[in-house]
Amino acid sequence: MKKKHLDDDLTNLDKQNLRSRIIDSANQVKAKKRKNRILMVAASVVILVGISLFYQPKSEQAIESFVETSTDIDVNKVDGVTLILGSGDNLNLDGENTTVKYSKSGEEVVLGSGKTVNQKSTRNEKALYNTILVPFGKRTDLKLSDGSMVWLNSGSKLVYPAVFNGNSREVYLEGEAIFEVSHNPQKPFKVLSVNQEVEVLGTVFNVSSYKDDDLSFTVLKSGSVKINYSDKAVKGIKIKPGTFASYNAVSKEAKTKEVNINDYFSWRDGFLNFKKDNLKHIMTKLSRYYNVQIVIESEDLAAQTFSGNLDLKENVTKVIQLIGETSNFEFSSDNEKITIINSN
């Protein structure tokens, strides 16, 4: 008997449909293999990207992060004006001249006595931070590596990079300082503190942000500055010369007013100017400037106001005596503590 083939029972249409199904099946197998290869390649790329990101050098440490993670040094527990280098070495600046000047590279630091100290300004291409501490009763000034000048008042701490890398120049202030910023529109200068951030391009201004003061303020002498507050509910502002901008950490309020700028810059030259300021505010200033404890006997007395100019080259008792001549109080001094009492 003749063997029957499958082709004998298939019409031409059946043969064509069968051929199409076979081709489609083969194409699906190929597509599946190709898809698996693409997924494997994609997975490899993801793994490689993940590895490269993991091993990529971290960006330069933000100055606020450095302040938070560095040892919390009490500015009034150091013996005189103290400079802490990026290496951790502490340098005490003795004598009347406590000026600090940096070279453009930040690697040479000239101290007031004329002594030059060498340091590394970067590590692994990241800037190293320096810290200067100015205890109560002391003041100092320094020239940063970009040429900007800073005058630091008593009880202040400034953290800054030995050399400014990146697209901005950032310093962190605790206390009070006058800044004369070297103009550089490509690198804005920022003064960070606990409640605010002051951004400038090149100008002269005073910033006060003490830990134990509820009020932080900025006074602009020339140029233009923008102030952003850490309290996001308070809108940032730009101020013009002659403006006093303040933020109260208790009331959560920000205010501005026009002032006589000399009242806020005169301490740099050894004077304090007051206009209807209460005794509590004045005695706080004098306590920091002379590093002496001053206690006011009553709240009513603390609220009394005084206007006038004080020559800080005089000793503290002489200065307080001058205020007492125009105000209704007397004072006693005992073991570096001065007590202000009512004269009645």
C-alpha atoms as a PDB file:
ATOM      1  CA  MET A   1       0.000   0.000   0.000  1.00  0.00           C
ATOM      2  CA  LYS A   2       1.207   3.408  -0.874  1.00  0.00           C
ATOM      3  CA  LYS A   3       2.184   5.521   2.143  1.00  0.00           C
ATOM      4  CA  LYS A   4       0.042   8.612   2.537  1.00  0.00           C
ATOM      5  CA  HIS A   5       1.789  11.959   3.107  1.00  0.00           C
ATOM      6  CA  LEU A   6       0.436  14.883   5.135  1.00  0.00           C
ATOM      7  CA  ASP A   7       0.706  17.058   2.070  1.00  0.00           C
ATOM      8  CA  ASP A   8      -1.897  14.939   0.321  1.00  0.00           C
ATOM      9  CA  ASP A   9      -4.694  16.093   2.674  1.00  0.00           C
ATOM     10  CA  LEU A  10      -3.623  19.769   2.884  1.00  0.00           C
ATOM     11  CA  THR A  11      -4.929  22.349   0.529  1.00  0.00           C
ATOM     12  CA  ASN A  12      -2.743  25.164  -0.640  1.00  0.00           C
ATOM     13  CA  LEU A  13      -4.497  27.532   1.844  1.00  0.00           C
ATOM     14  CA  ASP A  14      -3.824  25.134   4.715  1.00  0.00           C
ATOM     15  CA  LYS A  15      -0.196  24.943   3.764  1.00  0.00           C
ATOM     16  CA  GLN A  16       0.075  28.718   3.668  1.00  0.00           C
ATOM     17  CA  ASN A  17      -1.537  29.127   7.115  1.00  0.00           C
ATOM     18  CA  LEU A  18       0.694  26.456   8.603  1.00  0.00           C
ATOM     19  CA  ARG A  19       3.803  28.130   7.205  1.00  0.00           C
ATOM     20  CA  SER A  20       2.694  31.494   8.695  1.00  0.00           C
ATOM     21  CA  ARG A  21       2.166  29.958  12.144  1.00  0.00           C
ATOM     22  CA  ILE A  22       5.614  28.354  12.063  1.00  0.00           C
ATOM     23  CA  ILE A  23       7.260  31.634  11.040  1.00  0.00           C
ATOM     24  CA  ASP A  24       5.340  33.574  13.746  1.00  0.00           C
ATOM     25  CA  SER A  25       6.376  31.069  16.398  1.00  0.00           C
ATOM     26  CA  ALA A  26      10.010  31.306  15.352  1.00  0.00           C
ATOM     27  CA  ASN A  27       9.859  35.111  15.422  1.00  0.00           C
ATOM     28  CA  GLN A  28       8.351  35.048  18.922  1.00  0.00           C
ATOM     29  CA  VAL A  29      11.183  32.850  20.145  1.00  0.00           C
ATOM     30  CA  LYS A  30      13.733  35.212  18.621  1.00  0.00           C
ATOM     31  CA  ALA A  31      11.981  38.262  20.083  1.00  0.00           C
ATOM     32  CA  LYS A  32      11.891  36.643  23.524  1.00  0.00           C
ATOM     33  CA  LYS A  33      15.614  35.902  23.371  1.00  0.00           C
ATOM     34  CA  ARG A  34      16.341  39.431  22.154  1.00  0.00           C
ATOM     35  CA  LYS A  35      14.208  40.904  25.004  1.00  0.00           C
ATOM     36  CA  ASN A  36      16.057  38.796  27.570  1.00  0.00           C
ATOM     37  CA  ARG A  37      19.391  40.026  26.190  1.00  0.00           C
ATOM     38  CA  ILE A  38      18.182  43.672  26.421  1.00  0.00           C
ATOM     39  CA  LEU A  39      17.002  43.150  30.014  1.00  0.00           C
ATOM     40  CA  MET A  40      20.332  41.588  30.930  1.00  0.00           C
ATOM     41  CA  VAL A  41      22.225  44.518  29.394  1.00  0.00           C
ATOM     42  CA  ALA A  42      19.933  47.023  31.128  1.00  0.00           C
ATOM     43  CA  ALA A  43      20.438  45.273  34.443  1.00  0.00           C
ATOM     44  CA  SER A  44      24.176  45.372  33.908  1.00  0.00           C
ATOM     45  CA  VAL A  45      24.017  49.101  33.185  1.00  0.00           C
ATOM     46  CA  VAL A  46      21.958  49.709  36.346  1.00  0.00           C
ATOM     47  CA  ILE A  47      24.469  47.708  38.400  1.00  0.00           C
ATOM     48  CA  LEU A  48      27.390  49.626  36.893  1.00  0.00           C
ATOM     49  CA  VAL A  49      25.681  52.979  37.496  1.00  0.00           C
ATOM     50  CA  GLY A  50      24.912  51.946  41.060  1.00  0.00           C
ATOM     51  CA  ILE A  51      28.516  50.927  41.621  1.00  0.00           C
ATOM     52  CA  SER A  52      29.831  54.166  40.105  1.00  0.00           C
ATOM     53  CA  LEU A  53      27.491  56.225  42.281  1.00  0.00           C
ATOM     54  CA  PHE A  54      28.470  54.242  45.352  1.00  0.00           C
ATOM     55  CA  TYR A  55      32.165  54.793  44.740  1.00  0.00           C
ATOM     56  CA  GLN A  56      31.803  58.348  43.454  1.00  0.00           C
ATOM     57  CA  PRO A  57      33.503  60.836  45.830  1.00  0.00           C
ATOM     58  CA  LYS A  58      30.989  62.614  48.068  1.00  0.00           C
ATOM     59  CA  SER A  59      30.357  66.282  47.392  1.00  0.00           C
ATOM     60  CA  GLU A  60      32.147  68.813  49.543  1.00  0.00           C
ATOM     61  CA  GLN A  61      30.815  68.802  53.089  1.00  0.00           C
ATOM     62  CA  ALA A  62      28.402  71.659  53.720  1.00  0.00           C
ATOM     63  CA  ILE A  63      29.612  74.130  56.320  1.00  0.00           C
ATOM     64  CA  GLU A  64      26.451  73.685  58.418  1.00  0.00           C
ATOM     65  CA  SER A  65      27.082  69.941  58.531  1.00  0.00           C
ATOM     66  CA  PHE A  66      30.661  70.593  59.652  1.00  0.00           C
ATOM     67  CA  VAL A  67      29.444  72.922  62.423  1.00  0.00           C
ATOM     68  CA  GLU A  68      26.922  70.338  63.630  1.00  0.00           C
ATOM     69  CA  THR A  69      29.366  67.435  63.648  1.00  0.00           C
ATOM     70  CA  SER A  70      32.448  69.250  64.946  1.00  0.00           C
ATOM     71  CA  THR A  71      33.215  69.445  68.649  1.00  0.00           C
ATOM     72  CA  ASP A  72      31.043  72.059  70.329  1.00  0.00           C
ATOM     73  CA  ILE A  73      33.650  74.441  71.700  1.00  0.00           C
ATOM     74  CA  ASP A  74      32.511  77.068  74.186  1.00  0.00           C
ATOM     75  CA  VAL A  75      33.955  80.321  72.916  1.00  0.00           C
ATOM     76  CA  ASN A  76      34.409  81.552  76.492  1.00  0.00           C
ATOM     77  CA  LYS A  77      36.393  78.538  77.648  1.00  0.00           C
ATOM     78  CA  VAL A  78      39.424  79.341  75.507  1.00  0.00           C
ATOM     79  CA  ASP A  79      42.377  81.337  76.749  1.00  0.00           C
ATOM     80  CA  GLY A  80      42.281  84.399  74.517  1.00  0.00           C
ATOM     81  CA  VAL A  81      41.607  84.603  70.782  1.00  0.00           C
ATOM     82  CA  THR A  82      42.129  81.104  69.380  1.00  0.00           C
ATOM     83  CA  LEU A  83      42.513  79.876  65.800  1.00  0.00           C
ATOM     84  CA  ILE A  84      41.752  76.218  65.034  1.00  0.00           C
ATOM     85  CA  LEU A  85      43.260  74.981  61.761  1.00  0.00           C
ATOM     86  CA  GLY A  86      41.842  72.260  59.527  1.00  0.00           C
ATOM     87  CA  SER A  87      44.397  69.846  60.995  1.00  0.00           C
ATOM     88  CA  GLY A  88      42.881  70.417  64.446  1.00  0.00           C
ATOM     89  CA  ASP A  89      45.879  72.401  65.750  1.00  0.00           C
ATOM     90  CA  ASN A  90      44.959  75.211  68.161  1.00  0.00           C
ATOM     91  CA  LEU A  91      46.863  78.501  67.913  1.00  0.00           C
ATOM     92  CA  ASN A  92      46.543  81.058  70.703  1.00  0.00           C
ATOM     93  CA  LEU A  93      46.931  84.677  69.588  1.00  0.00           C
ATOM     94  CA  ASP A  94      48.606  86.507  72.452  1.00  0.00           C
ATOM     95  CA  GLY A  95      49.039  90.242  72.883  1.00  0.00           C
ATOM     96  CA  GLU A  96      47.074  93.213  71.610  1.00  0.00           C
ATOM     97  CA  ASN A  97      47.466  92.405  67.899  1.00  0.00           C
ATOM     98  CA  THR A  98      45.344  89.346  67.136  1.00  0.00           C
ATOM     99  CA  THR A  99      44.888  89.974  63.414  1.00  0.00           C
ATOM    100  CA  VAL A 100      44.808  86.923  61.109  1.00  0.00           C
ATOM    101  CA  LYS A 101      45.564  87.107  57.369  1.00  0.00           C
ATOM    102  CA  TYR A 102      45.271  84.310  54.798  1.00  0.00           C
ATOM    103  CA  SER A 103      47.091  83.969  51.498  1.00  0.00           C
ATOM    104  CA  LYS A 104      45.020  83.489  48.335  1.00  0.00           C
ATOM    105  CA  SER A 105      45.653  79.746  48.476  1.00  0.00           C
ATOM    106  CA  GLY A 106      44.730  79.617  52.167  1.00  0.00           C
ATOM    107  CA  GLU A 107      47.945  77.694  52.858  1.00  0.00           C
ATOM    108  CA  GLU A 108      49.794  80.552  54.566  1.00  0.00           C
ATOM    109  CA  VAL A 109      48.336  82.209  57.661  1.00  0.00           C
ATOM    110  CA  VAL A 110      49.988  85.311  59.072  1.00  0.00           C
ATOM    111  CA  LEU A 111      49.255  85.934  62.747  1.00  0.00           C
ATOM    112  CA  GLY A 112      49.253  89.363  64.403  1.00  0.00           C
ATOM    113  CA  SER A 113      52.741  88.924  65.802  1.00  0.00           C
ATOM    114  CA  GLY A 114      54.107  88.441  62.271  1.00  0.00           C
ATOM    115  CA  LYS A 115      54.469  84.694  62.632  1.00  0.00           C
ATOM    116  CA  THR A 116      53.531  82.689  59.519  1.00  0.00           C
ATOM    117  CA  VAL A 117      51.890  79.292  59.867  1.00  0.00           C
ATOM    118  CA  ASN A 118      51.602  76.872  56.954  1.00  0.00           C
ATOM    119  CA  GLN A 119      48.667  74.512  56.552  1.00  0.00           C
ATOM    120  CA  LYS A 120      46.923  72.393  53.933  1.00  0.00           C
ATOM    121  CA  SER A 121      43.877  74.230  52.626  1.00  0.00           C
ATOM    122  CA  THR A 122      42.299  71.166  50.990  1.00  0.00           C
ATOM    123  CA  ARG A 123      42.132  67.422  51.479  1.00  0.00           C
ATOM    124  CA  ASN A 124      41.122  65.208  48.549  1.00  0.00           C
ATOM    125  CA  GLU A 125      40.238  68.411  46.651  1.00  0.00           C
ATOM    126  CA  LYS A 126      37.819  69.472  49.410  1.00  0.00           C
ATOM    127  CA  ALA A 127      38.328  72.671  51.378  1.00  0.00           C
ATOM    128  CA  LEU A 128      39.318  72.334  55.034  1.00  0.00           C
ATOM    129  CA  TYR A 129      37.511  74.490  57.563  1.00  0.00           C
ATOM    130  CA  ASN A 130      39.170  76.812  60.050  1.00  0.00           C
ATOM    131  CA  THR A 131      37.517  78.236  63.189  1.00  0.00           C
ATOM    132  CA  ILE A 132      38.351  81.405  65.088  1.00  0.00           C
ATOM    133  CA  LEU A 133      37.103  81.901  68.653  1.00  0.00           C
ATOM    134  CA  VAL A 134      36.887  85.342  70.256  1.00  0.00           C
ATOM    135  CA  PRO A 135      35.945  85.169  73.967  1.00  0.00           C
ATOM    136  CA  PHE A 136      34.227  87.948  75.897  1.00  0.00           C
ATOM    137  CA  GLY A 137      36.554  90.858  76.523  1.00  0.00           C
ATOM    138  CA  LYS A 138      38.401  90.326  73.217  1.00  0.00           C
ATOM    139  CA  ARG A 139      38.015  91.429  69.603  1.00  0.00           C
ATOM    140  CA  THR A 140      39.884  90.588  66.422  1.00  0.00           C
ATOM    141  CA  ASP A 141      39.877  90.963  62.662  1.00  0.00           C
ATOM    142  CA  LEU A 142      40.895  88.662  59.846  1.00  0.00           C
ATOM    143  CA  LYS A 143      41.441  88.742  56.118  1.00  0.00           C
ATOM    144  CA  LEU A 144      40.010  85.698  54.353  1.00  0.00           C
ATOM    145  CA  SER A 145      41.629  84.008  51.357  1.00  0.00           C
ATOM    146  CA  ASP A 146      39.316  85.853  48.917  1.00  0.00           C
ATOM    147  CA  GLY A 147      40.377  89.234  50.338  1.00  0.00           C
ATOM    148  CA  SER A 148      37.200  89.812  52.376  1.00  0.00           C
ATOM    149  CA  MET A 149      37.686  91.483  55.772  1.00  0.00           C
ATOM    150  CA  VAL A 150      35.896  90.409  58.959  1.00  0.00           C
ATOM    151  CA  TRP A 151      35.867  92.210  62.328  1.00  0.00           C
ATOM    152  CA  LEU A 152      34.686  89.915  65.122  1.00  0.00           C
ATOM    153  CA  ASN A 153      33.155  91.272  68.296  1.00  0.00           C
ATOM    154  CA  SER A 154      33.555  89.688  71.749  1.00  0.00           C
ATOM    155  CA  GLY A 155      31.911  86.320  72.432  1.00  0.00           C
ATOM    156  CA  SER A 156      31.941  85.344  68.736  1.00  0.00           C
ATOM    157  CA  LYS A 157      32.881  82.298  66.676  1.00  0.00           C
ATOM    158  CA  LEU A 158      33.433  82.162  62.915  1.00  0.00           C
ATOM    159  CA  VAL A 159      33.786  78.972  60.853  1.00  0.00           C
ATOM    160  CA  TYR A 160      35.094  79.316  57.277  1.00  0.00           C
ATOM    161  CA  PRO A 161      37.029  77.356  54.626  1.00  0.00           C
ATOM    162  CA  ALA A 162      40.753  78.010  54.355  1.00  0.00           C
ATOM    163  CA  VAL A 163      40.121  78.549  50.647  1.00  0.00           C
ATOM    164  CA  PHE A 164      36.793  79.053  48.854  1.00  0.00           C
ATOM    165  CA  ASN A 165      36.059  76.287  46.342  1.00  0.00           C
ATOM    166  CA  GLY A 166      32.857  75.769  44.395  1.00  0.00           C
ATOM    167  CA  ASN A 167      30.300  78.337  43.282  1.00  0.00           C
ATOM    168  CA  SER A 168      29.792  80.219  46.553  1.00  0.00           C
ATOM    169  CA  ARG A 169      31.649  81.532  49.597  1.00  0.00           C
ATOM    170  CA  GLU A 170      30.061  80.424  52.859  1.00  0.00           C
ATOM    171  CA  VAL A 171      30.977  81.224  56.464  1.00  0.00           C
ATOM    172  CA  TYR A 172      29.125  80.402  59.689  1.00  0.00           C
ATOM    173  CA  LEU A 173      28.788  83.006  62.441  1.00  0.00           C
ATOM    174  CA  GLU A 174      27.864  82.732  66.084  1.00  0.00           C
ATOM    175  CA  GLY A 175      28.054  86.168  67.707  1.00  0.00           C
ATOM    176  CA  GLU A 176      28.595  89.529  65.998  1.00  0.00           C
ATOM    177  CA  ALA A 177      30.799  90.579  63.096  1.00  0.00           C
ATOM    178  CA  ILE A 178      31.263  93.307  60.510  1.00  0.00           C
ATOM    179  CA  PHE A 179      31.949  92.054  56.984  1.00  0.00           C
ATOM    180  CA  GLU A 180      33.578  93.939  54.118  1.00  0.00           C
ATOM    181  CA  VAL A 181      33.132  91.465  51.288  1.00  0.00           C
ATOM    182  CA  SER A 182      35.409  91.302  48.261  1.00  0.00           C
ATOM    183  CA  HIS A 183      33.247  91.706  45.133  1.00  0.00           C
ATOM    184  CA  ASN A 184      32.837  88.550  43.048  1.00  0.00           C
ATOM    185  CA  PRO A 185      29.483  88.166  41.224  1.00  0.00           C
ATOM    186  CA  GLN A 186      30.418  84.605  40.178  1.00  0.00           C
ATOM    187  CA  LYS A 187      30.734  83.552  43.840  1.00  0.00           C
ATOM    188  CA  PRO A 188      28.078  84.992  46.165  1.00  0.00           C
ATOM    189  CA  PHE A 189      29.181  85.410  49.784  1.00  0.00           C
ATOM    190  CA  LYS A 190      26.873  83.915  52.413  1.00  0.00           C
ATOM    191  CA  VAL A 191      26.890  84.406  56.172  1.00  0.00           C
ATOM    192  CA  LEU A 192      25.000  81.540  57.797  1.00  0.00           C
ATOM    193  CA  SER A 193      23.787  81.561  61.393  1.00  0.00           C
ATOM    194  CA  VAL A 194      21.222  79.721  63.479  1.00  0.00           C
ATOM    195  CA  ASN A 195      18.191  81.755  62.327  1.00  0.00           C
ATOM    196  CA  GLN A 196      19.164  83.353  59.034  1.00  0.00           C
ATOM    197  CA  GLU A 197      21.276  83.368  55.898  1.00  0.00           C
ATOM    198  CA  VAL A 198      22.648  86.636  54.504  1.00  0.00           C
ATOM    199  CA  GLU A 199      23.719  86.539  50.844  1.00  0.00           C
ATOM    200  CA  VAL A 200      25.822  89.260  49.187  1.00  0.00           C
ATOM    201  CA  LEU A 201      28.059  89.843  46.179  1.00  0.00           C
ATOM    202  CA  GLY A 202      30.259  92.584  47.627  1.00  0.00           C
ATOM    203  CA  THR A 203      29.270  94.960  50.393  1.00  0.00           C
ATOM    204  CA  VAL A 204      29.730  96.128  54.007  1.00  0.00           C
ATOM    205  CA  PHE A 205      27.312  94.959  56.703  1.00  0.00           C
ATOM    206  CA  ASN A 206      27.022  93.951  60.347  1.00  0.00           C
ATOM    207  CA  VAL A 207      25.472  90.671  61.533  1.00  0.00           C
ATOM    208  CA  SER A 208      24.589  89.806  65.130  1.00  0.00           C
ATOM    209  CA  SER A 209      23.443  86.305  66.092  1.00  0.00           C
ATOM    210  CA  TYR A 210      24.347  85.363  69.661  1.00  0.00           C
ATOM    211  CA  LYS A 211      23.093  82.084  71.137  1.00  0.00           C
ATOM    212  CA  ASP A 212      21.622  83.779  74.199  1.00  0.00           C
ATOM    213  CA  ASP A 213      19.922  86.611  72.263  1.00  0.00           C
ATOM    214  CA  ASP A 214      16.351  86.206  71.063  1.00  0.00           C
ATOM    215  CA  LEU A 215      16.986  88.843  68.409  1.00  0.00           C
ATOM    216  CA  SER A 216      19.231  88.300  65.380  1.00  0.00           C
ATOM    217  CA  PHE A 217      19.840  91.279  63.134  1.00  0.00           C
ATOM    218  CA  THR A 218      21.635  92.554  60.056  1.00  0.00           C
ATOM    219  CA  VAL A 219      22.526  96.190  59.361  1.00  0.00           C
ATOM    220  CA  LEU A 220      23.605  97.161  55.852  1.00  0.00           C
ATOM    221  CA  LYS A 221      26.128  99.957  55.331  1.00  0.00           C
ATOM    222  CA  SER A 222      26.653  99.699  51.559  1.00  0.00           C
ATOM    223  CA  GLY A 223      25.704  97.480  48.645  1.00  0.00           C
ATOM    224  CA  SER A 224      22.786  95.069  48.714  1.00  0.00           C
ATOM    225  CA  VAL A 225      22.019  91.897  50.660  1.00  0.00           C
ATOM    226  CA  LYS A 226      19.322  89.252  50.619  1.00  0.00           C
ATOM    227  CA  ILE A 227      18.239  87.658  53.903  1.00  0.00           C
ATOM    228  CA  ASN A 228      16.577  84.252  54.111  1.00  0.00           C
ATOM    229  CA  TYR A 229      15.298  82.961  57.431  1.00  0.00           C
ATOM    230  CA  SER A 230      15.448  79.379  58.683  1.00  0.00           C
ATOM    231  CA  ASP A 231      11.797  79.818  59.657  1.00  0.00           C
ATOM    232  CA  LYS A 232      10.209  79.123  56.255  1.00  0.00           C
ATOM    233  CA  ALA A 233       6.994  80.848  57.352  1.00  0.00           C
ATOM    234  CA  VAL A 234       8.914  84.148  57.283  1.00  0.00           C
ATOM    235  CA  LYS A 235       9.499  85.554  53.810  1.00  0.00           C
ATOM    236  CA  GLY A 236      13.045  86.428  52.755  1.00  0.00           C
ATOM    237  CA  ILE A 237      13.829  90.090  52.073  1.00  0.00           C
ATOM    238  CA  LYS A 238      16.303  92.343  50.312  1.00  0.00           C
ATOM    239  CA  ILE A 239      17.450  95.445  52.173  1.00  0.00           C
ATOM    240  CA  LYS A 240      19.075  98.726  51.165  1.00  0.00           C
ATOM    241  CA  PRO A 241      21.863 100.669  52.930  1.00  0.00           C
ATOM    242  CA  GLY A 242      20.833 102.166  56.260  1.00  0.00           C
ATOM    243  CA  THR A 243      18.368  99.357  56.973  1.00  0.00           C
ATOM    244  CA  PHE A 244      18.163  97.301  60.175  1.00  0.00           C
ATOM    245  CA  ALA A 245      16.568  93.864  59.566  1.00  0.00           C
ATOM    246  CA  SER A 246      15.795  91.695  62.594  1.00  0.00           C
ATOM    247  CA  TYR A 247      14.262  88.328  63.443  1.00  0.00           C
ATOM    248  CA  ASN A 248      12.868  87.446  66.870  1.00  0.00           C
ATOM    249  CA  ALA A 249      13.196  83.738  67.622  1.00  0.00           C
ATOM    250  CA  VAL A 250      10.493  83.936  70.319  1.00  0.00           C
ATOM    251  CA  SER A 251       7.779  85.900  68.519  1.00  0.00           C
ATOM    252  CA  LYS A 252       8.812  84.465  65.113  1.00  0.00           C
ATOM    253  CA  GLU A 253       8.634  87.962  63.630  1.00  0.00           C
ATOM    254  CA  ALA A 254      10.907  89.680  61.112  1.00  0.00           C
ATOM    255  CA  LYS A 255      11.028  93.477  60.987  1.00  0.00           C
ATOM    256  CA  THR A 256      12.948  96.232  59.202  1.00  0.00           C
ATOM    257  CA  LYS A 257      13.584  99.877  60.001  1.00  0.00           C
ATOM    258  CA  GLU A 258      15.917 102.706  58.992  1.00  0.00           C
ATOM    259  CA  VAL A 259      18.736 103.397  61.442  1.00  0.00           C
ATOM    260  CA  ASN A 260      21.908 105.406  61.905  1.00  0.00           C
ATOM    261  CA  ILE A 261      24.435 102.815  60.743  1.00  0.00           C
ATOM    262  CA  ASN A 262      27.223 104.311  62.883  1.00  0.00           C
ATOM    263  CA  ASP A 263      25.432 102.982  65.967  1.00  0.00           C
ATOM    264  CA  TYR A 264      26.108  99.427  64.738  1.00  0.00           C
ATOM    265  CA  PHE A 265      29.643  99.820  63.363  1.00  0.00           C
ATOM    266  CA  SER A 266      31.244 102.010  66.033  1.00  0.00           C
ATOM    267  CA  TRP A 267      32.311  99.077  68.258  1.00  0.00           C
ATOM    268  CA  ARG A 268      34.973  98.288  65.652  1.00  0.00           C
ATOM    269  CA  ASP A 269      36.627 101.591  66.608  1.00  0.00           C
ATOM    270  CA  GLY A 270      36.119 101.218  70.366  1.00  0.00           C
ATOM    271  CA  PHE A 271      32.853 103.147  70.817  1.00  0.00           C
ATOM    272  CA  LEU A 272      29.236 102.260  71.503  1.00  0.00           C
ATOM    273  CA  ASN A 273      26.411 104.565  70.456  1.00  0.00           C
ATOM    274  CA  PHE A 274      22.963 104.258  72.013  1.00  0.00           C
ATOM    275  CA  LYS A 275      19.678 106.028  71.334  1.00  0.00           C
ATOM    276  CA  LYS A 276      16.920 105.313  73.843  1.00  0.00           C
ATOM    277  CA  ASP A 277      18.181 101.758  74.403  1.00  0.00           C
ATOM    278  CA  ASN A 278      17.133 100.021  77.610  1.00  0.00           C
ATOM    279  CA  LEU A 279      19.710  99.296  80.317  1.00  0.00           C
ATOM    280  CA  LYS A 280      19.325  95.528  79.917  1.00  0.00           C
ATOM    281  CA  HIS A 281      20.477  95.755  76.289  1.00  0.00           C
ATOM    282  CA  ILE A 282      23.297  98.160  77.158  1.00  0.00           C
ATOM    283  CA  MET A 283      24.592  96.109  80.080  1.00  0.00           C
ATOM    284  CA  THR A 284      24.549  92.949  77.957  1.00  0.00           C
ATOM    285  CA  LYS A 285      26.772  94.734  75.417  1.00  0.00           C
ATOM    286  CA  LEU A 286      29.147  95.961  78.116  1.00  0.00           C
ATOM    287  CA  SER A 287      29.251  92.561  79.815  1.00  0.00           C
ATOM    288  CA  ARG A 288      30.425  90.924  76.578  1.00  0.00           C
ATOM    289  CA  TYR A 289      32.830  93.704  75.682  1.00  0.00           C
ATOM    290  CA  TYR A 290      34.594  93.784  79.062  1.00  0.00           C
ATOM    291  CA  ASN A 291      34.028  90.125  80.029  1.00  0.00           C
ATOM    292  CA  VAL A 292      32.454  90.996  83.361  1.00  0.00           C
ATOM    293  CA  GLN A 293      29.167  89.881  84.919  1.00  0.00           C
ATOM    294  CA  ILE A 294      26.650  92.727  85.249  1.00  0.00           C
ATOM    295  CA  VAL A 295      23.425  92.176  87.191  1.00  0.00           C
ATOM    296  CA  ILE A 296      20.496  94.626  87.208  1.00  0.00           C
ATOM    297  CA  GLU A 297      18.553  94.631  90.465  1.00  0.00           C
ATOM    298  CA  SER A 298      15.015  95.015  89.098  1.00  0.00           C
ATOM    299  CA  GLU A 299      13.024  94.699  85.875  1.00  0.00           C
ATOM    300  CA  ASP A 300      11.860  98.314  86.139  1.00  0.00           C
ATOM    301  CA  LEU A 301      15.468  99.455  86.274  1.00  0.00           C
ATOM    302  CA  ALA A 302      16.398  97.188  83.367  1.00  0.00           C
ATOM    303  CA  ALA A 303      13.699  98.866  81.267  1.00  0.00           C
ATOM    304  CA  GLN A 304      15.106 102.408  81.789  1.00  0.00           C
ATOM    305  CA  THR A 305      16.571 103.914  78.618  1.00  0.00           C
ATOM    306  CA  PHE A 306      19.808 105.717  77.858  1.00  0.00           C
ATOM    307  CA  SER A 307      21.111 107.734  74.920  1.00  0.00           C
ATOM    308  CA  GLY A 308      24.733 108.682  74.401  1.00  0.00           C
ATOM    309  CA  ASN A 309      28.197 107.689  73.194  1.00  0.00           C
ATOM    310  CA  LEU A 310      30.482 105.482  75.294  1.00  0.00           C
ATOM    311  CA  ASP A 311      34.247 105.390  74.893  1.00  0.00           C
ATOM    312  CA  LEU A 312      35.209 101.756  75.419  1.00  0.00           C
ATOM    313  CA  LYS A 313      38.848 102.662  75.894  1.00  0.00           C
ATOM    314  CA  GLU A 314      37.815 103.574  79.441  1.00  0.00           C
ATOM    315  CA  ASN A 315      37.481 100.825  82.064  1.00  0.00           C
ATOM    316  CA  VAL A 316      34.061  99.312  82.688  1.00  0.00           C
ATOM    317  CA  THR A 317      33.378 101.075  86.001  1.00  0.00           C
ATOM    318  CA  LYS A 318      34.103 104.450  84.401  1.00  0.00           C
ATOM    319  CA  VAL A 319      31.697 103.682  81.555  1.00  0.00           C
ATOM    320  CA  ILE A 320      28.915 102.526  83.897  1.00  0.00           C
ATOM    321  CA  GLN A 321      29.469 105.565  86.115  1.00  0.00           C
ATOM    322  CA  LEU A 322      28.952 107.804  83.060  1.00  0.00           C
ATOM    323  CA  ILE A 323      25.624 106.084  82.313  1.00  0.00           C
ATOM    324  CA  GLY A 324      24.617 106.355  85.975  1.00  0.00           C
ATOM    325  CA  GLU A 325      25.092 110.132  85.932  1.00  0.00           C
ATOM    326  CA  THR A 326      22.234 110.498  83.455  1.00  0.00           C
ATOM    327  CA  SER A 327      20.121 107.573  84.698  1.00  0.00           C
ATOM    328  CA  ASN A 328      18.483 106.776  88.022  1.00  0.00           C
ATOM    329  CA  PHE A 329      20.814 104.097  89.385  1.00  0.00           C
ATOM    330  CA  GLU A 330      23.924 103.360  91.404  1.00  0.00           C
ATOM    331  CA  PHE A 331      26.216 100.338  91.223  1.00  0.00           C
ATOM    332  CA  SER A 332      28.546  98.236  93.329  1.00  0.00           C
ATOM    333  CA  SER A 333      31.481  96.107  92.208  1.00  0.00           C
ATOM    334  CA  ASP A 334      32.676  92.910  93.885  1.00  0.00           C
ATOM    335  CA  ASN A 335      34.884  90.098  92.528  1.00  0.00           C
ATOM    336  CA  GLU A 336      34.380  90.914  88.851  1.00  0.00           C
ATOM    337  CA  LYS A 337      30.619  91.227  89.356  1.00  0.00           C
ATOM    338  CA  ILE A 338      28.858  94.558  88.998  1.00  0.00           C
ATOM    339  CA  THR A 339      25.386  95.066  90.455  1.00  0.00           C
ATOM    340  CA  ILE A 340      23.158  97.888  89.198  1.00  0.00           C
ATOM    341  CA  ILE A 341      20.769  99.151  91.905  1.00  0.00           C
ATOM    342  CA  ASN A 342      18.126 101.882  92.204  1.00  0.00           C
ATOM    343  CA  SER A 343      19.430 105.127  93.699  1.00  0.00           C
ATOM    344  CA  ASN A 344      16.147 105.732  95.603  1.00  0.00           C
END
